[in-house]
Protein backbone atom coordinates (compact mmCIF):
# COMPACT_ATOMS: atom_id res chain seq x y z
CA MET A 1 -39.65 240.37 -104.50
CA GLU A 2 -36.09 241.30 -104.21
CA MET A 3 -37.02 242.91 -100.99
CA LEU A 4 -38.62 240.16 -100.03
CA GLN A 5 -35.52 238.11 -100.29
CA LYS A 6 -33.52 240.23 -98.09
CA THR A 7 -36.07 240.59 -95.49
CA GLY A 8 -37.99 237.26 -95.43
CA ILE A 9 -37.64 234.18 -93.41
CA SER A 10 -35.06 231.78 -94.08
CA GLY A 11 -35.45 228.05 -94.59
CA SER A 12 -33.58 227.81 -90.94
CA THR A 13 -35.90 230.42 -89.09
CA LEU A 14 -38.81 228.09 -91.19
CA LYS A 15 -37.59 225.20 -89.28
CA LEU A 16 -37.40 226.84 -86.21
CA ILE A 17 -41.14 228.25 -85.90
CA ALA A 18 -41.91 224.34 -87.07
CA ALA A 19 -39.95 223.01 -84.16
CA VAL A 20 -41.51 225.64 -81.69
CA ALA A 21 -44.99 224.86 -82.99
CA MET A 22 -44.27 221.12 -82.51
CA LEU A 23 -43.29 221.57 -79.36
CA ILE A 24 -45.95 223.20 -77.80
CA ASP A 25 -48.39 221.15 -79.86
CA HIS A 26 -46.74 217.77 -77.92
CA ALA A 27 -46.87 219.53 -75.10
CA GLY A 28 -50.75 220.24 -75.48
CA VAL A 29 -50.94 216.43 -75.69
CA ILE A 30 -48.58 215.45 -73.00
CA LEU A 31 -48.49 217.47 -70.28
CA PHE A 32 -52.00 219.47 -70.66
CA ASP A 33 -54.37 216.63 -71.67
CA ASN A 34 -55.20 218.02 -75.44
CA ARG A 35 -55.50 221.71 -74.66
CA ARG A 36 -57.08 223.24 -77.44
CA GLU A 37 -55.12 226.31 -78.04
CA LEU A 38 -52.10 224.45 -77.86
CA ARG A 39 -53.13 221.77 -80.68
CA MET A 40 -54.33 224.57 -82.30
CA ILE A 41 -50.86 226.39 -82.89
CA GLY A 42 -49.08 223.08 -83.26
CA ARG A 43 -51.12 222.65 -86.86
CA ILE A 44 -48.37 225.11 -88.19
CA ALA A 45 -45.76 223.03 -88.03
CA PHE A 46 -46.45 219.93 -90.28
CA PRO A 47 -47.03 222.11 -93.38
CA ILE A 48 -44.08 223.89 -92.55
CA PHE A 49 -41.89 220.71 -92.89
CA LEU A 50 -43.77 219.47 -95.99
CA PHE A 51 -42.65 222.57 -97.43
CA LEU A 52 -38.76 222.12 -96.39
CA LEU A 53 -39.54 218.53 -97.34
CA VAL A 54 -40.37 219.53 -100.99
CA GLU A 55 -37.65 222.22 -100.89
CA GLY A 56 -35.10 219.92 -99.55
CA PHE A 57 -36.02 217.31 -102.69
CA ARG A 58 -35.52 219.84 -105.28
CA TYR A 59 -32.18 221.37 -104.03
CA THR A 60 -30.11 218.21 -101.68
CA ARG A 61 -26.89 217.47 -103.36
CA ASN A 62 -27.55 213.76 -102.86
CA ARG A 63 -31.13 212.48 -102.11
CA LYS A 64 -29.86 208.61 -100.81
CA LYS A 65 -28.30 210.09 -98.11
CA TYR A 66 -31.54 212.15 -97.53
CA ILE A 67 -33.34 208.93 -98.22
CA LEU A 68 -31.19 207.18 -95.35
CA ARG A 69 -31.30 210.23 -93.11
CA LEU A 70 -34.96 209.77 -93.04
CA PHE A 71 -35.48 206.47 -92.58
CA PHE A 72 -32.67 206.07 -89.63
CA PHE A 73 -34.13 208.93 -87.50
CA SER A 74 -37.73 207.49 -88.49
CA LEU A 75 -36.51 204.81 -86.69
CA LEU A 76 -34.79 206.06 -83.84
CA SER A 77 -37.90 208.47 -83.02
CA GLU A 78 -40.24 205.38 -83.08
CA ILE A 79 -39.71 204.64 -79.29
CA PRO A 80 -39.61 208.11 -77.84
CA PHE A 81 -43.23 208.30 -79.99
CA ASN A 82 -44.73 205.19 -79.19
CA LEU A 83 -44.37 206.66 -75.48
CA MET A 84 -46.13 209.51 -76.05
CA VAL A 85 -48.88 208.15 -78.03
CA THR A 86 -49.45 204.60 -75.67
CA GLY A 87 -47.12 204.68 -72.99
CA GLU A 88 -45.08 201.72 -73.72
CA PRO A 89 -41.53 201.81 -75.87
CA TRP A 90 -42.79 199.26 -77.81
CA ASP A 91 -46.05 199.40 -80.69
CA LEU A 92 -46.21 195.49 -80.98
CA GLU A 93 -49.95 195.79 -82.73
CA PHE A 94 -48.43 198.71 -85.37
CA PHE A 95 -50.51 201.10 -83.75
CA HIS A 96 -49.30 204.66 -85.39
CA GLN A 97 -46.10 205.42 -86.23
CA ASN A 98 -44.14 208.53 -86.10
CA VAL A 99 -44.15 211.73 -88.66
CA LEU A 100 -41.05 210.67 -90.06
CA PHE A 101 -42.08 208.02 -92.02
CA THR A 102 -44.59 209.52 -93.74
CA LEU A 103 -42.17 212.35 -95.14
CA LEU A 104 -40.07 209.18 -96.04
CA ILE A 105 -42.68 207.63 -97.60
CA ALA A 106 -43.48 211.31 -99.37
CA PHE A 107 -39.74 211.96 -100.58
CA VAL A 108 -39.73 208.58 -102.19
CA THR A 109 -43.29 209.39 -104.05
CA LEU A 110 -41.93 212.56 -105.36
CA TRP A 111 -38.64 211.15 -106.62
CA THR A 112 -40.33 208.30 -108.35
CA LEU A 113 -42.71 211.23 -109.86
CA GLU A 114 -39.64 212.51 -111.08
CA SER A 115 -38.38 209.82 -112.68
CA LEU A 116 -41.23 208.97 -114.71
CA GLU A 117 -41.65 212.57 -115.66
CA LYS A 118 -38.38 211.84 -117.42
CA SER A 119 -38.68 208.39 -118.85
CA ALA A 120 -42.44 208.54 -119.91
CA GLU A 121 -42.82 207.98 -123.54
CA THR A 122 -45.98 210.07 -124.02
CA GLN A 123 -48.15 212.25 -121.18
CA SER A 124 -50.98 209.95 -121.20
CA VAL A 125 -48.86 207.17 -119.86
CA TYR A 126 -47.23 209.25 -117.62
CA TYR A 127 -50.60 210.60 -115.86
CA VAL A 128 -51.71 206.96 -115.50
CA CYS A 129 -48.50 205.97 -114.09
CA ALA A 130 -48.38 209.19 -111.78
CA MET A 131 -52.04 208.58 -110.16
CA ALA A 132 -50.94 204.82 -109.56
CA VAL A 133 -47.35 206.12 -107.79
CA VAL A 134 -49.34 208.77 -105.87
CA PHE A 135 -51.74 206.21 -105.04
CA GLY A 136 -49.14 203.75 -103.94
CA GLY A 137 -47.40 206.29 -101.61
CA MET A 138 -50.98 207.01 -100.01
CA TYR A 139 -51.62 203.78 -99.50
CA THR A 140 -48.28 202.98 -98.11
CA ALA A 141 -48.65 205.90 -95.58
CA GLN A 142 -52.59 204.52 -94.66
CA VAL A 143 -50.99 201.05 -94.48
CA CYS A 144 -48.32 201.95 -92.20
CA ARG A 145 -50.51 204.34 -90.24
CA THR A 146 -47.83 207.13 -89.74
CA ASP A 147 -49.04 210.42 -88.42
CA TYR A 148 -50.96 212.29 -91.28
CA ALA A 149 -50.78 209.26 -93.41
CA SER A 150 -52.15 209.36 -96.81
CA TYR A 151 -52.82 213.35 -96.73
CA GLY A 152 -49.83 213.81 -95.86
CA VAL A 153 -48.01 212.20 -98.70
CA LEU A 154 -50.81 213.80 -100.95
CA ALA A 155 -50.21 217.24 -99.72
CA ALA A 156 -46.54 217.05 -100.46
CA VAL A 157 -47.22 215.86 -104.11
CA VAL A 158 -49.76 218.68 -104.20
CA MET A 159 -47.03 221.14 -103.18
CA TYR A 160 -44.18 219.82 -105.71
CA VAL A 161 -46.76 219.82 -108.34
CA LEU A 162 -47.64 223.26 -108.00
CA ARG A 163 -44.31 224.55 -106.85
CA GLY A 164 -44.72 226.68 -110.08
CA ASN A 165 -46.67 229.11 -107.80
CA ARG A 166 -45.89 229.23 -104.34
CA THR A 167 -48.89 230.87 -103.25
CA ILE A 168 -50.93 228.44 -104.62
CA ALA A 169 -49.05 225.14 -103.87
CA ILE A 170 -48.81 226.09 -100.17
CA LEU A 171 -52.59 227.29 -99.97
CA SER A 172 -53.48 223.71 -102.09
CA GLY A 173 -51.47 221.67 -99.44
CA CYS A 174 -53.04 223.15 -96.90
CA LEU A 175 -56.37 222.58 -98.12
CA VAL A 176 -55.20 218.65 -98.47
CA LEU A 177 -54.65 218.82 -94.67
CA GLY A 178 -57.40 220.80 -93.86
CA SER A 179 -59.68 218.37 -95.33
CA MET A 180 -58.82 216.05 -92.56
CA GLY A 181 -61.52 218.07 -90.47
CA GLY A 182 -61.22 219.25 -86.85
CA LEU A 183 -58.32 221.53 -85.71
CA GLU A 184 -56.38 220.44 -88.94
CA TRP A 185 -57.90 223.87 -90.65
CA TYR A 186 -55.79 225.90 -88.29
CA CYS A 187 -52.82 224.15 -90.75
CA PHE A 188 -53.79 227.43 -92.55
CA LEU A 189 -51.75 229.62 -90.26
CA SER A 190 -48.61 228.14 -91.70
CA VAL A 191 -49.24 230.24 -94.35
CA ILE A 192 -48.01 233.34 -93.05
CA PRO A 193 -44.40 232.59 -92.16
CA LEU A 194 -44.30 230.29 -95.44
CA LEU A 195 -44.75 233.11 -97.93
CA LEU A 196 -42.29 234.98 -95.87
CA TYR A 197 -39.80 232.56 -97.06
CA ASN A 198 -37.00 234.07 -98.80
CA GLY A 199 -35.77 231.29 -100.76
CA ARG A 200 -32.58 231.11 -98.72
CA ARG A 201 -30.48 228.47 -96.67
CA GLY A 202 -30.15 230.22 -93.62
CA PHE A 203 -28.60 229.00 -90.53
CA SER A 204 -26.65 225.28 -91.29
CA PHE A 205 -28.01 222.80 -88.85
CA ARG A 206 -28.94 219.84 -91.14
CA TYR A 207 -29.69 217.84 -88.17
CA PHE A 208 -31.36 220.11 -85.85
CA PHE A 209 -34.90 218.84 -86.13
CA TYR A 210 -33.92 215.03 -86.70
CA VAL A 211 -32.26 215.46 -83.40
CA PHE A 212 -34.92 217.66 -81.75
CA TYR A 213 -38.26 215.46 -82.86
CA PRO A 214 -37.21 212.44 -80.71
CA LEU A 215 -35.14 214.23 -78.12
CA HIS A 216 -38.51 216.35 -77.20
CA LEU A 217 -40.82 213.61 -77.52
CA LEU A 218 -38.61 211.78 -74.49
CA VAL A 219 -38.36 215.11 -72.77
CA LEU A 220 -42.05 215.66 -72.68
CA TYR A 221 -42.65 211.88 -71.77
CA LEU A 222 -40.12 211.76 -68.94
CA LEU A 223 -41.97 215.06 -67.55
CA THR A 224 -44.94 213.49 -67.12
CA LYS A 225 -43.12 210.35 -64.69
CA ILE A 226 -41.69 213.36 -62.57
CA GLY A 227 -44.91 214.86 -62.33
């Protein structure tokens, strides 16, 4: 374990791996007509982002700022996301919302679960309320039609609840995502870099992903217009 902490992958490196995988995935959608091989590689990204969300939830110093940041960039990313999905800047039919909304709902769900754990009078009360909270988070994501929807929220909850054993937490989260079927089973490719995570933050670029997400969607969309 000591050797892994010295030689493993930092959180910033995980972010870069996930960002590159996401870029390849979306390039496969926008530029290469849903190229299967590129979409397979892209399945690596979301489990990593979920894992980092759980880490962020556990260790961030200001959860309110974390939520506000997710909410702001969720809104900011919606126009580039709509352009990618529908070709139009506005989603007037509320057809599909970007993945940052999923992460936002998941974060709020985890925070509510933690609050319940501290305030519930008995275990039975906690379990009943916890199931209601998880279902509420999943339902919200499903109704809002966010990317990965209820599966994304449930996978985050599973990773958080099983956090005491990283391997089991990661595999269980991937199992939830894989149950969506199709190419989603390739999310298990993310297990390799996630198990190499050394628990260190690495380079500090807090806003990298938040800026990269809408920016790369916009650039890819513009490339289709130039081409």
